[in-house]
N, C-alpha and C. Protein backbone atom coordinates (compact mmCIF):
# COMPACT_ATOMS: atom_id res chain seq x y z
N MET A 1 -179.78 17.08 19.47
CA MET A 1 -178.30 17.07 19.09
C MET A 1 -177.85 18.54 19.59
N ILE A 2 -179.18 19.68 18.92
CA ILE A 2 -178.97 21.01 19.10
C ILE A 2 -179.17 21.47 20.66
N LEU A 3 -180.04 20.30 21.61
CA LEU A 3 -180.82 20.33 22.82
C LEU A 3 -179.18 20.24 23.89
N MET A 4 -178.70 19.19 23.10
CA MET A 4 -177.18 18.83 23.73
C MET A 4 -176.41 19.70 23.58
N SER A 5 -175.95 20.17 22.68
CA SER A 5 -175.19 21.02 22.68
C SER A 5 -175.37 22.54 23.55
N MET A 6 -176.62 22.53 23.82
CA MET A 6 -177.08 24.37 24.34
C MET A 6 -176.88 24.07 25.86
N MET A 7 -177.19 22.65 26.45
CA MET A 7 -176.83 22.19 27.93
C MET A 7 -175.27 22.20 28.41
N ALA A 8 -174.41 22.08 26.52
CA ALA A 8 -173.25 21.76 27.30
C ALA A 8 -172.52 23.33 26.98
N GLY A 9 -173.09 23.96 26.36
CA GLY A 9 -173.04 25.54 26.26
C GLY A 9 -172.74 26.09 27.71
N LEU A 10 -174.40 25.76 28.05
CA LEU A 10 -174.68 26.53 29.70
C LEU A 10 -174.05 26.16 30.81
N LEU A 11 -173.78 24.84 30.77
CA LEU A 11 -172.35 24.18 31.62
C LEU A 11 -171.06 24.85 31.77
N ALA A 12 -171.05 24.95 30.45
CA ALA A 12 -169.17 25.90 30.27
C ALA A 12 -169.93 27.29 31.28
N ALA A 13 -170.82 28.03 30.43
CA ALA A 13 -170.96 29.30 30.67
C ALA A 13 -170.98 28.70 32.70
N GLY A 14 -171.57 27.95 32.78
CA GLY A 14 -171.65 28.22 34.35
C GLY A 14 -170.19 28.03 35.42
N CYS A 15 -169.75 27.28 34.83
CA CYS A 15 -168.21 27.02 35.41
C CYS A 15 -167.27 27.90 35.04
N ALA A 16 -167.36 28.91 34.06
CA ALA A 16 -166.66 30.20 33.41
C ALA A 16 -166.18 31.24 35.13
N GLY A 17 -165.24 31.51 35.50
CA GLY A 17 -164.92 32.37 36.04
C GLY A 17 -164.88 31.88 37.74
N SER A 18 -164.86 30.62 37.49
CA SER A 18 -165.04 29.64 38.65
C SER A 18 -163.69 29.02 38.45
N ARG A 19 -162.48 29.26 39.92
CA ARG A 19 -161.35 28.91 39.35
C ARG A 19 -161.01 28.00 40.95
N TRP A 20 -162.20 27.61 41.54
CA TRP A 20 -161.46 26.22 42.82
C TRP A 20 -160.82 25.07 41.58
N THR A 21 -159.58 24.60 41.93
CA THR A 21 -159.16 23.34 41.46
C THR A 21 -159.82 22.12 42.46
N THR A 22 -159.57 21.62 41.91
CA THR A 22 -159.81 19.83 42.05
C THR A 22 -159.06 19.41 43.50
N GLN A 23 -157.87 19.76 43.81
CA GLN A 23 -157.15 19.88 45.33
C GLN A 23 -158.06 20.83 46.11
N GLU A 24 -157.84 21.72 45.79
CA GLU A 24 -158.62 23.15 47.07
C GLU A 24 -160.03 21.94 47.39
N ARG A 25 -161.18 21.56 46.12
CA ARG A 25 -162.24 21.58 46.62
C ARG A 25 -162.06 19.68 47.68
N ALA A 26 -161.06 19.15 47.60
CA ALA A 26 -160.96 18.51 48.30
C ALA A 26 -160.68 18.54 49.49
N LEU A 27 -159.64 19.19 49.60
CA LEU A 27 -159.18 19.93 51.44
C LEU A 27 -160.01 20.81 51.94
N ILE A 28 -161.15 21.06 51.15
CA ILE A 28 -162.13 21.97 52.08
C ILE A 28 -163.15 21.03 52.47
N GLU A 29 -163.62 20.07 51.41
CA GLU A 29 -164.87 19.41 51.45
C GLU A 29 -164.54 18.34 51.93
N ASP A 30 -163.41 17.45 52.03
CA ASP A 30 -163.51 15.82 52.81
C ASP A 30 -162.65 16.38 54.08
N GLN A 31 -162.05 17.44 54.48
CA GLN A 31 -161.25 17.67 55.68
C GLN A 31 -163.16 17.15 56.52
N PRO A 32 -162.25 17.44 57.87
CA PRO A 32 -163.42 17.87 58.85
C PRO A 32 -162.90 19.02 59.54
N ASP A 33 -163.97 19.76 60.40
CA ASP A 33 -164.20 20.91 60.52
C ASP A 33 -163.24 21.71 60.67
N VAL A 34 -162.00 20.59 62.00
CA VAL A 34 -160.74 21.72 62.31
C VAL A 34 -160.03 20.76 60.90
N MET A 35 -159.40 21.60 60.14
CA MET A 35 -158.13 21.22 59.53
C MET A 35 -156.97 21.11 60.12
N ARG A 36 -156.23 20.31 59.15
CA ARG A 36 -154.77 20.11 59.20
C ARG A 36 -153.96 21.46 59.23
N VAL A 37 -153.16 21.51 60.03
CA VAL A 37 -152.26 23.01 59.76
C VAL A 37 -150.99 22.37 59.47
N LEU A 38 -150.41 23.04 58.00
CA LEU A 38 -149.56 22.63 58.11
C LEU A 38 -148.49 23.24 58.67
N THR A 39 -147.25 22.61 58.53
CA THR A 39 -146.26 23.40 59.62
C THR A 39 -144.82 22.87 59.04
N VAL A 40 -143.55 23.84 59.21
CA VAL A 40 -142.31 24.39 58.27
C VAL A 40 -141.61 22.84 58.80
N ALA A 41 -141.91 22.25 59.49
CA ALA A 41 -141.42 20.97 59.88
C ALA A 41 -141.16 20.09 58.85
N ASP A 42 -142.12 20.06 57.90
CA ASP A 42 -142.87 19.05 56.97
C ASP A 42 -142.17 19.88 55.63
N ALA A 43 -141.56 19.06 54.78
CA ALA A 43 -140.85 19.75 53.68
C ALA A 43 -142.20 20.37 52.67
N ASP A 44 -142.84 18.82 52.30
CA ASP A 44 -144.40 19.24 51.70
C ASP A 44 -144.95 20.58 52.19
N ASP A 45 -145.32 20.43 52.81
CA ASP A 45 -146.28 21.79 54.10
C ASP A 45 -145.45 23.10 54.05
N LEU A 46 -143.73 23.12 54.08
CA LEU A 46 -143.04 24.10 53.51
C LEU A 46 -143.04 24.89 52.60
N ALA A 47 -143.35 24.03 51.24
CA ALA A 47 -143.36 24.35 50.23
C ALA A 47 -144.54 25.07 49.87
N VAL A 48 -145.83 24.50 50.40
CA VAL A 48 -147.18 25.22 50.45
C VAL A 48 -147.10 26.68 51.17
N LEU A 49 -146.38 26.74 52.23
CA LEU A 49 -146.50 27.97 53.05
C LEU A 49 -145.34 28.91 52.59
N ARG A 50 -144.64 28.65 51.99
CA ARG A 50 -143.78 29.60 50.71
C ARG A 50 -144.50 30.18 49.46
N THR A 51 -145.49 29.24 49.24
CA THR A 51 -146.57 30.19 48.00
C THR A 51 -146.95 31.37 47.95
N VAL A 52 -147.21 32.00 46.77
CA VAL A 52 -147.64 33.37 47.18
C VAL A 52 -149.25 32.94 46.68
N CYS A 53 -150.08 33.51 47.64
CA CYS A 53 -151.35 33.57 47.08
C CYS A 53 -152.20 34.27 45.96
N ARG A 54 -153.30 33.94 45.71
CA ARG A 54 -154.28 34.61 44.43
C ARG A 54 -155.48 34.67 45.27
N ASP A 55 -156.17 35.19 44.55
CA ASP A 55 -157.09 36.21 44.91
C ASP A 55 -157.97 34.99 44.82
N PHE A 56 -159.50 35.15 45.26
CA PHE A 56 -160.67 34.70 44.99
C PHE A 56 -161.71 35.62 43.58
N SER A 57 -162.06 35.08 43.03
CA SER A 57 -162.96 35.82 42.07
C SER A 57 -164.39 36.12 42.73
N ARG A 58 -165.24 37.23 42.37
CA ARG A 58 -166.55 37.18 42.73
C ARG A 58 -167.38 36.22 42.86
N ARG A 59 -167.11 35.25 41.86
CA ARG A 59 -167.87 34.01 42.06
C ARG A 59 -168.29 33.62 43.00
N GLU A 60 -166.43 33.30 43.21
CA GLU A 60 -165.82 32.11 44.11
C GLU A 60 -166.42 32.45 45.44
N LEU A 61 -166.38 33.73 45.97
CA LEU A 61 -166.95 34.49 46.81
C LEU A 61 -168.15 33.76 47.13
N SER A 62 -169.02 33.99 46.11
CA SER A 62 -170.58 33.72 46.29
C SER A 62 -170.80 31.86 45.88
N ASP A 63 -169.73 31.29 46.13
CA ASP A 63 -170.00 29.90 46.07
C ASP A 63 -170.00 29.39 47.58
N PRO A 64 -170.98 28.44 47.83
CA PRO A 64 -170.65 27.82 49.28
C PRO A 64 -169.88 27.26 49.73
N LEU A 65 -168.77 26.80 48.78
CA LEU A 65 -167.53 26.24 49.09
C LEU A 65 -166.56 27.87 49.73
N TYR A 66 -166.58 28.45 49.22
CA TYR A 66 -165.88 29.54 50.13
C TYR A 66 -166.33 30.09 51.69
N ARG A 67 -167.93 29.72 51.57
CA ARG A 67 -168.63 29.70 53.33
C ARG A 67 -167.86 28.90 53.86
N THR A 68 -167.94 27.54 53.34
CA THR A 68 -167.35 26.23 53.96
C THR A 68 -165.97 26.48 54.43
N LEU A 69 -164.97 27.13 53.86
CA LEU A 69 -163.95 27.69 54.34
C LEU A 69 -163.43 28.36 55.25
N ALA A 70 -164.29 29.38 54.69
CA ALA A 70 -164.52 30.75 55.65
C ALA A 70 -164.63 29.72 57.81
N ALA A 71 -165.63 28.73 57.58
CA ALA A 71 -166.40 28.47 58.69
C ALA A 71 -165.23 27.34 59.66
N LYS A 72 -164.53 26.98 57.93
CA LYS A 72 -163.60 25.79 58.28
C LYS A 72 -162.18 26.79 59.29
N LEU A 73 -161.86 28.00 58.71
CA LEU A 73 -160.69 28.44 59.05
C LEU A 73 -161.17 29.15 60.60
N VAL A 74 -162.48 29.50 60.66
CA VAL A 74 -162.41 29.93 62.39
C VAL A 74 -162.30 28.75 63.35
N ALA A 75 -162.92 27.43 62.77
CA ALA A 75 -163.08 26.63 63.58
C ALA A 75 -161.66 26.21 63.82
N THR A 76 -160.71 26.04 62.94
CA THR A 76 -159.13 25.49 62.77
C THR A 76 -159.05 26.35 63.90
N VAL A 77 -158.86 27.65 64.09
CA VAL A 77 -157.65 28.61 64.87
C VAL A 77 -158.39 28.40 66.44
N THR A 78 -159.97 28.07 66.54
CA THR A 78 -160.40 28.43 67.85
C THR A 78 -159.97 27.02 68.44
N SER A 79 -159.50 25.75 67.33
CA SER A 79 -159.85 24.69 68.33
C SER A 79 -158.65 24.48 69.59
N PRO A 80 -159.04 23.79 70.17
CA PRO A 80 -158.33 23.89 71.75
C PRO A 80 -156.74 23.06 71.09
N GLU A 81 -156.79 22.33 70.21
CA GLU A 81 -155.53 21.93 69.48
C GLU A 81 -154.78 23.09 68.94
N GLN A 82 -155.32 24.50 68.77
CA GLN A 82 -154.47 25.51 68.02
C GLN A 82 -154.84 26.84 68.86
N ASP A 83 -155.71 26.80 68.78
CA ASP A 83 -156.19 28.17 70.39
C ASP A 83 -155.57 29.13 69.43
N GLY A 84 -155.20 30.20 68.62
CA GLY A 84 -154.73 30.97 68.04
C GLY A 84 -155.03 31.87 67.86
N VAL A 85 -154.97 33.43 67.50
CA VAL A 85 -155.99 34.52 67.28
C VAL A 85 -155.78 34.83 65.87
N GLY A 86 -154.76 34.07 64.68
CA GLY A 86 -155.23 33.97 63.50
C GLY A 86 -155.05 33.27 62.45
N ILE A 87 -155.32 33.15 61.29
CA ILE A 87 -154.65 31.75 60.44
C ILE A 87 -154.85 32.59 59.09
N ALA A 88 -154.08 31.79 58.50
CA ALA A 88 -154.24 31.97 56.85
C ALA A 88 -154.48 31.07 55.96
N GLY A 89 -155.10 31.51 54.76
CA GLY A 89 -155.41 29.81 53.99
C GLY A 89 -154.45 29.23 53.35
N PRO A 90 -152.91 29.25 53.39
CA PRO A 90 -152.10 28.42 53.14
C PRO A 90 -151.51 27.73 54.42
N GLN A 91 -152.37 28.13 55.50
CA GLN A 91 -152.02 27.31 56.38
C GLN A 91 -152.67 25.78 56.41
N VAL A 92 -153.48 25.52 56.25
CA VAL A 92 -154.67 24.68 55.96
C VAL A 92 -154.37 24.59 54.74
N GLY A 93 -153.42 25.15 53.35
CA GLY A 93 -153.13 24.50 52.66
C GLY A 93 -154.25 24.61 51.53
N ILE A 94 -154.56 26.05 51.45
CA ILE A 94 -155.15 26.63 50.56
C ILE A 94 -154.48 27.78 50.27
N SER A 95 -154.20 27.86 48.77
CA SER A 95 -153.13 29.43 48.68
C SER A 95 -154.13 30.23 48.01
N ARG A 96 -155.07 30.80 49.04
CA ARG A 96 -155.59 31.85 48.48
C ARG A 96 -155.83 33.17 49.23
N ASN A 97 -156.01 34.22 49.20
CA ASN A 97 -155.90 35.42 49.81
C ASN A 97 -156.97 35.59 50.94
N VAL A 98 -156.43 34.67 52.27
CA VAL A 98 -157.76 34.63 53.03
C VAL A 98 -157.01 34.80 54.22
N VAL A 99 -158.03 35.06 55.48
CA VAL A 99 -157.02 35.34 56.62
C VAL A 99 -158.95 35.41 57.75
N ALA A 100 -158.28 34.76 58.41
CA ALA A 100 -159.46 34.72 60.20
C ALA A 100 -158.57 35.21 61.00
N VAL A 101 -159.10 36.59 61.33
CA VAL A 101 -158.12 37.19 62.87
C VAL A 101 -159.26 37.13 63.43
N GLN A 102 -158.77 37.14 64.83
CA GLN A 102 -159.81 37.65 66.28
C GLN A 102 -159.41 39.38 66.53
N ARG A 103 -160.62 39.92 66.53
CA ARG A 103 -160.79 41.31 66.37
C ARG A 103 -160.91 41.79 67.90
N PHE A 104 -159.85 41.84 68.78
CA PHE A 104 -159.40 42.21 69.94
C PHE A 104 -160.34 44.27 69.74
N ASP A 105 -160.02 44.51 69.02
CA ASP A 105 -160.61 46.05 69.04
C ASP A 105 -162.10 46.48 68.77
N LYS A 106 -162.83 44.82 68.71
CA LYS A 106 -164.15 44.92 68.67
C LYS A 106 -164.84 44.08 70.09
N GLU A 107 -165.90 44.92 69.84
CA GLU A 107 -167.36 43.86 71.17
C GLU A 107 -166.40 42.49 71.22
N GLY A 108 -166.76 41.78 72.44
CA GLY A 108 -166.95 40.24 72.19
C GLY A 108 -165.50 39.54 71.19
N GLU A 109 -164.46 40.52 70.98
CA GLU A 109 -163.79 39.94 70.67
C GLU A 109 -163.78 38.92 69.43
N PRO A 110 -164.71 39.20 68.43
CA PRO A 110 -164.88 38.20 67.20
C PRO A 110 -163.72 37.42 66.43
N PHE A 111 -163.98 36.24 65.91
CA PHE A 111 -163.43 36.07 64.71
C PHE A 111 -164.05 36.60 63.34
N GLU A 112 -163.17 37.31 62.42
CA GLU A 112 -163.70 37.45 61.49
C GLU A 112 -162.93 36.68 60.33
N VAL A 113 -163.43 36.48 59.07
CA VAL A 113 -162.80 36.15 58.04
C VAL A 113 -162.71 37.12 56.61
N TYR A 114 -161.49 37.47 56.37
CA TYR A 114 -160.97 38.64 55.20
C TYR A 114 -160.51 37.65 54.06
N PRO A 115 -161.39 37.93 52.83
CA PRO A 115 -161.09 37.11 51.57
C PRO A 115 -160.08 38.61 51.11
N ASN A 116 -159.46 38.37 49.88
CA ASN A 116 -158.47 39.36 49.06
C ASN A 116 -158.00 40.21 49.73
N ILE A 117 -157.29 40.06 51.03
CA ILE A 117 -157.37 40.72 52.09
C ILE A 117 -155.63 41.49 51.47
N ARG A 118 -155.37 43.30 51.91
CA ARG A 118 -154.17 43.87 51.52
C ARG A 118 -154.17 44.92 52.55
N ILE A 119 -152.63 45.10 52.89
CA ILE A 119 -152.36 45.91 54.22
C ILE A 119 -152.44 47.47 53.00
N VAL A 120 -152.55 48.28 52.68
CA VAL A 120 -153.04 49.27 52.54
C VAL A 120 -152.34 50.43 52.57
N ALA A 121 -152.09 50.54 54.06
CA ALA A 121 -151.62 52.09 54.26
C ALA A 121 -150.99 51.70 55.93
N THR A 122 -149.53 52.17 56.15
CA THR A 122 -149.17 51.84 57.97
C THR A 122 -148.65 53.28 57.93
N ARG A 123 -149.01 53.51 58.97
CA ARG A 123 -148.46 54.70 60.14
C ARG A 123 -147.77 54.74 61.04
N GLY A 124 -146.95 55.57 61.74
CA GLY A 124 -146.16 55.05 62.65
C GLY A 124 -144.80 54.94 62.23
N GLU A 125 -144.04 54.31 63.82
CA GLU A 125 -143.27 53.79 64.12
C GLU A 125 -143.36 52.06 63.97
N GLN A 126 -142.31 51.33 64.10
CA GLN A 126 -142.57 49.68 63.73
C GLN A 126 -142.40 49.35 65.34
N VAL A 127 -142.61 48.85 66.14
CA VAL A 127 -142.50 48.49 67.76
C VAL A 127 -142.51 46.82 67.51
N PRO A 128 -141.17 46.41 68.43
CA PRO A 128 -140.84 45.26 68.59
C PRO A 128 -142.11 44.49 69.41
N GLY A 129 -142.25 43.15 69.38
CA GLY A 129 -143.14 42.17 69.98
C GLY A 129 -142.69 41.24 69.90
N ARG A 130 -143.55 40.26 70.82
CA ARG A 130 -143.68 38.89 70.49
C ARG A 130 -144.25 37.59 69.76
N GLU A 131 -143.93 37.20 69.27
CA GLU A 131 -145.01 36.31 67.97
C GLU A 131 -144.48 34.89 68.10
N GLY A 132 -145.48 34.70 68.12
CA GLY A 132 -145.63 33.19 67.71
C GLY A 132 -146.32 32.38 65.94
N CYS A 133 -146.56 31.18 66.15
CA CYS A 133 -147.00 30.63 64.31
C CYS A 133 -147.60 29.44 64.94
N LEU A 134 -148.70 28.96 64.47
CA LEU A 134 -149.54 27.88 64.80
C LEU A 134 -148.38 26.87 63.45
N SER A 135 -148.13 27.34 62.36
CA SER A 135 -146.89 26.83 61.71
C SER A 135 -145.41 26.36 61.83
N VAL A 136 -145.31 27.27 63.26
CA VAL A 136 -144.06 27.16 63.61
C VAL A 136 -144.03 26.54 65.20
N PRO A 137 -144.34 25.68 65.16
CA PRO A 137 -144.99 25.15 66.96
C PRO A 137 -143.83 25.43 67.56
N GLY A 138 -143.88 25.65 68.88
CA GLY A 138 -143.26 25.68 70.14
C GLY A 138 -141.98 26.75 70.12
N ARG A 139 -142.36 27.52 69.11
CA ARG A 139 -141.14 29.15 69.30
C ARG A 139 -141.80 30.47 69.05
N ARG A 140 -141.01 31.23 69.58
CA ARG A 140 -141.83 32.44 69.75
C ARG A 140 -140.43 33.33 69.31
N GLY A 141 -140.64 34.36 69.14
CA GLY A 141 -139.27 35.41 68.69
C GLY A 141 -140.51 36.57 68.35
N GLU A 142 -139.09 37.62 68.89
CA GLU A 142 -139.41 39.18 68.52
C GLU A 142 -139.55 39.72 66.85
N VAL A 143 -140.63 40.29 67.18
CA VAL A 143 -140.66 40.89 65.27
C VAL A 143 -140.99 42.03 65.44
N LEU A 144 -140.82 43.29 64.10
CA LEU A 144 -141.41 44.42 64.27
C LEU A 144 -142.61 44.95 63.33
N ARG A 145 -143.67 45.70 64.17
CA ARG A 145 -144.66 45.66 63.17
C ARG A 145 -144.78 47.11 63.48
N TYR A 146 -146.38 47.56 62.76
CA TYR A 146 -146.61 48.71 62.88
C TYR A 146 -147.90 48.86 63.72
N GLN A 147 -148.23 49.72 64.63
CA GLN A 147 -149.98 49.37 65.56
C GLN A 147 -150.69 50.60 64.68
N ASP A 148 -150.76 50.27 63.65
CA ASP A 148 -151.58 51.52 62.84
C ASP A 148 -151.64 51.13 61.70
N ILE A 149 -152.47 50.59 60.83
CA ILE A 149 -152.72 50.18 59.47
C ILE A 149 -154.11 50.30 58.83
N ASP A 150 -153.73 50.69 57.84
CA ASP A 150 -155.05 50.12 56.70
C ASP A 150 -155.16 49.04 56.14
N ILE A 151 -155.96 48.64 56.16
CA ILE A 151 -156.22 47.44 55.46
C ILE A 151 -157.84 47.06 54.17
N SER A 152 -157.45 46.64 52.96
CA SER A 152 -158.50 46.82 52.29
C SER A 152 -158.83 44.93 52.36
N TYR A 153 -160.02 44.62 51.54
CA TYR A 153 -160.57 43.37 51.26
C TYR A 153 -161.86 43.47 50.63
N THR A 154 -162.40 42.51 50.17
CA THR A 154 -163.15 41.96 49.19
C THR A 154 -164.77 41.67 50.64
N SER A 155 -165.89 42.23 50.26
CA SER A 155 -167.17 41.98 51.04
C SER A 155 -167.81 40.80 50.42
N PRO A 156 -167.90 39.76 50.95
CA PRO A 156 -168.43 38.57 50.51
C PRO A 156 -169.73 38.24 50.14
N GLU A 157 -170.29 39.58 50.58
CA GLU A 157 -171.66 39.90 50.29
C GLU A 157 -171.73 40.76 48.98
N THR A 158 -171.16 41.11 48.97
CA THR A 158 -171.74 42.19 48.49
C THR A 158 -170.52 42.50 46.28
N GLY A 159 -169.34 41.74 47.06
CA GLY A 159 -168.12 41.97 46.13
C GLY A 159 -167.70 43.47 46.00
N GLU A 160 -167.95 43.79 46.46
CA GLU A 160 -167.32 45.61 46.82
C GLU A 160 -166.08 45.42 47.78
N SER A 161 -164.91 46.47 47.73
CA SER A 161 -163.87 46.72 48.00
C SER A 161 -164.70 47.50 49.78
N VAL A 162 -163.45 47.12 51.03
CA VAL A 162 -163.71 47.76 52.00
C VAL A 162 -162.67 48.07 52.37
N THR A 163 -162.22 49.28 53.25
CA THR A 163 -161.46 49.61 53.42
C THR A 163 -161.64 49.68 54.76
N GLU A 164 -160.73 49.49 56.19
CA GLU A 164 -160.69 50.39 57.66
C GLU A 164 -159.02 49.92 58.13
N THR A 165 -159.16 51.10 59.16
CA THR A 165 -157.98 51.25 59.96
C THR A 165 -158.33 50.26 61.41
N VAL A 166 -157.27 49.77 61.33
CA VAL A 166 -156.92 48.50 62.31
C VAL A 166 -155.28 49.35 63.24
N GLN A 167 -155.96 49.10 64.50
CA GLN A 167 -154.72 49.33 65.48
C GLN A 167 -154.45 48.48 66.15
N GLY A 168 -153.64 48.60 67.16
CA GLY A 168 -153.16 47.84 68.27
C GLY A 168 -152.70 46.48 67.98
N PHE A 169 -153.14 45.91 68.77
CA PHE A 169 -152.26 44.16 68.85
C PHE A 169 -153.14 43.37 67.59
N THR A 170 -154.51 44.05 67.02
CA THR A 170 -155.29 42.99 65.90
C THR A 170 -154.37 43.54 64.40
N ALA A 171 -153.65 44.95 64.56
CA ALA A 171 -153.09 45.33 63.17
C ALA A 171 -151.69 44.25 63.27
N VAL A 172 -151.16 44.06 64.49
CA VAL A 172 -150.15 43.12 64.27
C VAL A 172 -150.32 41.59 63.82
N ILE A 173 -151.62 41.20 64.28
CA ILE A 173 -152.14 39.83 64.16
C ILE A 173 -152.29 40.31 62.13
N PHE A 174 -152.99 40.91 61.84
CA PHE A 174 -153.08 41.50 60.59
C PHE A 174 -151.98 41.58 59.64
N GLN A 175 -150.91 41.87 59.59
CA GLN A 175 -149.57 41.61 59.79
C GLN A 175 -149.15 40.69 59.34
N HIS A 176 -148.68 39.76 60.82
CA HIS A 176 -148.71 38.12 60.78
C HIS A 176 -149.45 37.36 59.73
N GLU A 177 -150.69 37.42 59.65
CA GLU A 177 -151.38 36.55 58.71
C GLU A 177 -151.45 37.28 56.95
N THR A 178 -151.54 38.49 56.92
CA THR A 178 -150.61 38.60 55.30
C THR A 178 -149.59 38.53 55.39
N ASP A 179 -148.83 38.40 55.66
CA ASP A 179 -147.31 38.44 55.77
C ASP A 179 -147.62 36.67 54.60
N HIS A 180 -148.58 35.53 55.61
CA HIS A 180 -148.67 34.29 54.93
C HIS A 180 -148.68 34.72 53.80
N LEU A 181 -149.62 35.14 53.54
CA LEU A 181 -149.77 35.04 52.16
C LEU A 181 -149.32 35.03 50.96
N LYS A 182 -148.19 36.23 51.00
CA LYS A 182 -147.18 36.25 50.11
C LYS A 182 -145.89 35.34 50.51
N GLY A 183 -146.07 33.95 51.23
CA GLY A 183 -145.38 33.03 51.44
C GLY A 183 -143.80 33.14 52.61
N VAL A 184 -144.42 34.11 53.36
CA VAL A 184 -143.45 35.06 54.48
C VAL A 184 -144.33 34.45 55.24
N LEU A 185 -142.66 34.27 56.78
CA LEU A 185 -142.94 33.38 57.82
C LEU A 185 -142.76 34.05 58.84
N TYR A 186 -143.00 34.77 60.20
CA TYR A 186 -142.59 35.75 60.88
C TYR A 186 -141.40 35.31 61.65
N THR A 187 -140.63 34.11 61.36
CA THR A 187 -139.11 34.05 61.27
C THR A 187 -138.11 34.31 60.32
N ASP A 188 -138.67 35.35 59.23
CA ASP A 188 -138.17 35.65 58.07
C ASP A 188 -137.64 37.26 58.87
N LYS A 189 -138.34 37.85 59.58
CA LYS A 189 -138.77 38.80 59.89
C LYS A 189 -137.96 38.75 61.61
N LEU A 190 -137.28 37.97 62.00
CA LEU A 190 -137.05 38.00 63.67
C LEU A 190 -135.72 39.05 63.90
N PHE A 191 -136.18 40.28 64.90
CA PHE A 191 -135.34 41.57 65.26
C PHE A 191 -134.25 40.89 66.53
N GLY A 192 -135.20 39.75 67.32
CA GLY A 192 -134.25 39.47 68.63
C GLY A 192 -134.15 37.72 68.53
N ALA A 193 -133.17 37.17 69.64
CA ALA A 193 -133.47 35.75 69.32
C ALA A 193 -134.62 35.16 69.67
N GLU A 194 -135.04 33.99 68.69
CA GLU A 194 -136.12 32.94 69.22
C GLU A 194 -136.01 32.45 70.24
N SER A 195 -137.29 31.96 70.84
CA SER A 195 -137.00 31.25 71.89
C SER A 195 -138.25 30.25 71.89
N ALA A 196 -137.92 29.20 72.51
CA ALA A 196 -139.01 27.87 73.01
C ALA A 196 -140.60 28.87 73.65
N ASP A 197 -141.67 28.61 72.83
CA ASP A 197 -142.62 28.86 73.72
C ASP A 197 -143.12 28.08 74.78
N ASN A 198 -143.64 28.94 75.93
CA ASN A 198 -144.02 28.38 77.24
C ASN A 198 -145.01 28.60 77.44
């Protein structure tokens, strides 16, 4: 009886700090490498896209499930069906602060994943530019964005906060994707008329 109580206590301690929901686990583990992208055309999808996301705990970032999610985000955004430059957790049904962004400002233009990301500083004037979105298929529009920003995120390897400066088109991608984490779509920020994506 004492041994069973000790084992139950150890199991409870092992689960403490881990907040993955059953639904999150199912979405990450049960979907193929290329996950379904939620769109504004579906009311249930739209409700998820409008949800404010929450951070990962340090324990969750060290969980293999996080690494699986990160890999699937990159596989999804780079798939021939999507062929995007960025994607955010809610776009695949995961209401967590995580984005995958193509780093056009780095050699080889790699895709990288950023958990618990925030834009912590902006500099200069906002500049209009055309944007589209995997969750708003077939449409594009003009949005004002900063060209010089600082981002802050958690390193999954160390659990420490990292801050870096990002400029140019990559800065625009980060702003678009972090908007998703607040339930904001580019269509909420249209500067000019929207048009069909060509």
